[in-house]
C-alpha atoms as a PDB file:
ATOM      1  CA  MET A   1      23.399 -37.946   2.613  1.00  0.00           C
ATOM      2  CA  LYS A   2      21.993 -37.212  -0.855  1.00  0.00           C
ATOM      3  CA  ARG A   3      18.451 -37.401   0.543  1.00  0.00           C
ATOM      4  CA  LEU A   4      19.259 -34.847   3.218  1.00  0.00           C
ATOM      5  CA  THR A   5      20.773 -32.496   0.633  1.00  0.00           C
ATOM      6  CA  LYS A   6      17.725 -32.806  -1.640  1.00  0.00           C
ATOM      7  CA  LEU A   7      15.353 -32.349   1.294  1.00  0.00           C
ATOM      8  CA  THR A   8      17.280 -29.275   2.447  1.00  0.00           C
ATOM      9  CA  ALA A   9      17.149 -27.793  -1.073  1.00  0.00           C
ATOM     10  CA  VAL A  10      13.380 -28.353  -1.305  1.00  0.00           C
ATOM     11  CA  VAL A  11      12.731 -26.882   2.140  1.00  0.00           C
ATOM     12  CA  CYS A  12      14.914 -23.829   1.427  1.00  0.00           C
ATOM     13  CA  THR A  13      13.151 -23.267  -1.905  1.00  0.00           C
ATOM     14  CA  LEU A  14       9.735 -23.402  -0.246  1.00  0.00           C
ATOM     15  CA  LEU A  15      10.784 -21.180   2.636  1.00  0.00           C
ATOM     16  CA  LEU A  16      12.408 -18.564   0.423  1.00  0.00           C
ATOM     17  CA  SER A  17       9.637 -18.439  -2.162  1.00  0.00           C
ATOM     18  CA  SER A  18       7.325 -15.432  -2.387  1.00  0.00           C
ATOM     19  CA  CYS A  19       9.964 -13.200  -0.844  1.00  0.00           C
ATOM     20  CA  ALA A  20       8.056  -9.940  -1.266  1.00  0.00           C
ATOM     21  CA  THR A  21       4.998 -11.408   0.447  1.00  0.00           C
ATOM     22  CA  LEU A  22       7.106 -12.681   3.341  1.00  0.00           C
ATOM     23  CA  PHE A  23       9.411  -9.691   3.761  1.00  0.00           C
ATOM     24  CA  CYS A  24       7.077  -6.813   2.863  1.00  0.00           C
ATOM     25  CA  GLY A  25       3.573  -8.169   3.392  1.00  0.00           C
ATOM     26  CA  THR A  26       0.411  -7.332   1.460  1.00  0.00           C
ATOM     27  CA  LYS A  27      -0.149  -3.964   3.174  1.00  0.00           C
ATOM     28  CA  GLU A  28       2.031  -0.924   3.702  1.00  0.00           C
ATOM     29  CA  LYS A  29       1.976   2.187   5.876  1.00  0.00           C
ATOM     30  CA  ILE A  30       1.145   5.492   4.219  1.00  0.00           C
ATOM     31  CA  THR A  31       1.058   8.904   5.918  1.00  0.00           C
ATOM     32  CA  PHE A  32      -1.296  11.694   4.880  1.00  0.00           C
ATOM     33  CA  ASP A  33      -0.755  15.264   6.042  1.00  0.00           C
ATOM     34  CA  SER A  34      -2.528  18.584   5.631  1.00  0.00           C
ATOM     35  CA  ASP A  35      -2.352  22.110   6.988  1.00  0.00           C
ATOM     36  CA  ILE A  36      -5.970  22.244   8.245  1.00  0.00           C
ATOM     37  CA  ASP A  37      -6.625  22.110  11.992  1.00  0.00           C
ATOM     38  CA  GLN A  38      -9.994  20.363  11.939  1.00  0.00           C
ATOM     39  CA  CYS A  39     -10.935  16.708  11.661  1.00  0.00           C
ATOM     40  CA  ALA A  40     -11.482  15.189   8.247  1.00  0.00           C
ATOM     41  CA  THR A  41     -12.780  12.006   6.659  1.00  0.00           C
ATOM     42  CA  LEU A  42     -10.623   9.927   4.337  1.00  0.00           C
ATOM     43  CA  THR A  43     -12.212   7.295   2.129  1.00  0.00           C
ATOM     44  CA  ILE A  44      -9.514   4.912   0.985  1.00  0.00           C
ATOM     45  CA  ASP A  45     -10.653   2.431  -1.672  1.00  0.00           C
ATOM     46  CA  GLY A  46     -14.210   2.669  -0.335  1.00  0.00           C
ATOM     47  CA  ARG A  47     -13.294   2.314   3.362  1.00  0.00           C
ATOM     48  CA  LYS A  48     -14.066   5.390   5.502  1.00  0.00           C
ATOM     49  CA  HIS A  49     -11.690   6.707   8.138  1.00  0.00           C
ATOM     50  CA  LYS A  50     -13.768   9.246  10.086  1.00  0.00           C
ATOM     51  CA  ASN A  51     -12.723  12.072  12.415  1.00  0.00           C
ATOM     52  CA  ILE A  52      -9.037  11.838  11.681  1.00  0.00           C
ATOM     53  CA  SER A  53      -6.497  14.539  12.390  1.00  0.00           C
ATOM     54  CA  PHE A  54      -3.299  15.138  10.464  1.00  0.00           C
ATOM     55  CA  PRO A  55      -0.748  13.706  10.130  1.00  0.00           C
ATOM     56  CA  TYR A  56      -2.586  10.396   9.757  1.00  0.00           C
ATOM     57  CA  THR A  57      -0.892   7.056   9.132  1.00  0.00           C
ATOM     58  CA  THR A  58      -2.785   4.000   7.930  1.00  0.00           C
ATOM     59  CA  ASN A  59      -2.224   0.785   6.009  1.00  0.00           C
ATOM     60  CA  ILE A  60      -3.193   0.378   2.363  1.00  0.00           C
ATOM     61  CA  TYR A  61      -3.281  -2.847   0.392  1.00  0.00           C
ATOM     62  CA  ARG A  62      -0.699  -3.527  -2.263  1.00  0.00           C
ATOM     63  CA  SER A  63      -2.261  -4.097  -5.683  1.00  0.00           C
ATOM     64  CA  PHE A  64      -1.776  -3.340  -9.351  1.00  0.00           C
ATOM     65  CA  GLU A  65      -4.537  -0.715  -9.371  1.00  0.00           C
ATOM     66  CA  PRO A  66      -3.950   2.798  -8.015  1.00  0.00           C
ATOM     67  CA  THR A  67      -5.389   3.402  -4.555  1.00  0.00           C
ATOM     68  CA  ILE A  68      -8.059   6.109  -4.623  1.00  0.00           C
ATOM     69  CA  VAL A  69      -8.265   8.440  -1.623  1.00  0.00           C
ATOM     70  CA  LYS A  70     -11.133  10.910  -1.171  1.00  0.00           C
ATOM     71  CA  ALA A  71     -10.445  13.569   1.480  1.00  0.00           C
ATOM     72  CA  GLU A  72     -13.361  15.565   2.909  1.00  0.00           C
ATOM     73  CA  ALA A  73     -13.456  18.269   5.550  1.00  0.00           C
ATOM     74  CA  GLU A  74     -16.282  20.629   6.462  1.00  0.00           C
ATOM     75  CA  GLY A  75     -15.942  23.978   4.709  1.00  0.00           C
ATOM     76  CA  TYR A  76     -13.427  22.628   2.179  1.00  0.00           C
ATOM     77  CA  GLU A  77     -13.634  21.195  -1.320  1.00  0.00           C
ATOM     78  CA  THR A  78     -13.396  17.401  -1.625  1.00  0.00           C
ATOM     79  CA  GLU A  79      -9.921  16.362  -2.741  1.00  0.00           C
ATOM     80  CA  ILE A  80      -9.154  13.168  -4.664  1.00  0.00           C
ATOM     81  CA  LEU A  81      -5.693  11.545  -4.566  1.00  0.00           C
ATOM     82  CA  TYR A  82      -4.472   8.648  -6.680  1.00  0.00           C
ATOM     83  CA  ILE A  83      -1.692   6.606  -5.131  1.00  0.00           C
ATOM     84  CA  ASP A  84       0.189   5.043  -8.027  1.00  0.00           C
ATOM     85  CA  LYS A  85       2.095   1.806  -7.586  1.00  0.00           C
ATOM     86  CA  ALA A  86       5.682   0.951  -8.467  1.00  0.00           C
ATOM     87  CA  PHE A  87       7.595  -2.333  -8.724  1.00  0.00           C
ATOM     88  CA  ASN A  88       8.694  -3.780  -5.376  1.00  0.00           C
ATOM     89  CA  TRP A  89      12.337  -4.749  -5.923  1.00  0.00           C
ATOM     90  CA  VAL A  90      12.260  -7.268  -3.053  1.00  0.00           C
ATOM     91  CA  SER A  91      10.385  -9.543  -5.476  1.00  0.00           C
ATOM     92  CA  ILE A  92      13.651 -10.090  -7.352  1.00  0.00           C
ATOM     93  CA  LEU A  93      14.709 -12.421  -4.508  1.00  0.00           C
ATOM     94  CA  ASN A  94      12.309 -14.992  -6.024  1.00  0.00           C
ATOM     95  CA  CYS A  95      14.856 -15.464  -8.853  1.00  0.00           C
ATOM     96  CA  TYR A  96      13.567 -18.342 -10.977  1.00  0.00           C
ATOM     97  CA  ASP A  97      10.981 -19.602  -8.483  1.00  0.00           C
ATOM     98  CA  ILE A  98       7.716 -19.581 -10.460  1.00  0.00           C
ATOM     99  CA  LEU A  99       5.689 -20.456  -7.346  1.00  0.00           C
ATOM    100  CA  GLY A 100       7.158 -17.478  -5.464  1.00  0.00           C
ATOM    101  CA  TRP A 101       6.446 -15.100  -8.338  1.00  0.00           C
ATOM    102  CA  GLY A 102       2.886 -16.437  -8.573  1.00  0.00           C
ATOM    103  CA  ILE A 103       2.241 -15.903  -4.866  1.00  0.00           C
ATOM    104  CA  ASP A 104       3.724 -12.395  -4.946  1.00  0.00           C
ATOM    105  CA  ILE A 105       1.673 -11.465  -8.017  1.00  0.00           C
ATOM    106  CA  LEU A 106      -1.587 -12.844  -6.593  1.00  0.00           C
ATOM    107  CA  SER A 107      -1.044 -11.123  -3.243  1.00  0.00           C
ATOM    108  CA  GLY A 108      -0.017  -7.842  -4.889  1.00  0.00           C
ATOM    109  CA  ALA A 109       3.299  -7.867  -3.058  1.00  0.00           C
ATOM    110  CA  VAL A 110       5.225  -7.211  -6.287  1.00  0.00           C
ATOM    111  CA  THR A 111       3.968  -3.616  -6.064  1.00  0.00           C
ATOM    112  CA  LYS A 112       4.353  -0.832  -3.544  1.00  0.00           C
ATOM    113  CA  ALA A 113       3.070   2.708  -3.263  1.00  0.00           C
ATOM    114  CA  GLU A 114       5.149   5.202  -5.168  1.00  0.00           C
ATOM    115  CA  TYR A 115       5.651   7.295  -2.002  1.00  0.00           C
ATOM    116  CA  ASP A 116       4.964   6.764   1.706  1.00  0.00           C
ATOM    117  CA  TYR A 117       3.937  10.392   2.406  1.00  0.00           C
ATOM    118  CA  TYR A 118       1.121  12.302   0.703  1.00  0.00           C
ATOM    119  CA  PRO A 119       0.233  15.938   1.457  1.00  0.00           C
ATOM    120  CA  ILE A 120      -3.411  16.920   0.997  1.00  0.00           C
ATOM    121  CA  GLU A 121      -3.985  20.525  -0.033  1.00  0.00           C
ATOM    122  CA  PHE A 122      -7.527  21.433   0.947  1.00  0.00           C
ATOM    123  CA  GLU A 123      -9.123  24.478  -0.712  1.00  0.00           C
ATOM    124  CA  LYS A 124     -11.851  26.489   1.012  1.00  0.00           C
ATOM    125  CA  SER A 125     -15.247  25.888  -0.559  1.00  0.00           C
ATOM    126  CA  GLU A 126     -17.176  28.855  -1.851  1.00  0.00           C
ATOM    127  CA  ALA A 127     -20.634  28.984  -0.291  1.00  0.00           C
ATOM    128  CA  ILE A 128     -23.434  29.779  -2.745  1.00  0.00           C
ATOM    129  CA  GLU A 129     -25.927  32.223  -1.314  1.00  0.00           C
END
């Protein structure tokens, strides 16, 4: 009986470790919106999303660094957004499990985007003649 109890405790510890990675994943959905009617290009951490229309929802990776978004549309100035990260409180479920904390930290799951909706305010570019 003691073996079964110990085995159950070990299995539960392994299954419940890295809670943020398991429950939240390493990516999250973010929505971008703008008031322009034409297609645009978003470059998110170096990855281009071409011919998108707004609102646009995509996944970004969780990490400790801010996510950099460059928004471009013909006839408008290029806009740069920085998506700051905040602590993901689901990580607290790891409690004292060092392995779980390590996995969540390495995967970036201990962070999340500060917001899940970002408006992009494009400004008309001034043509030089």
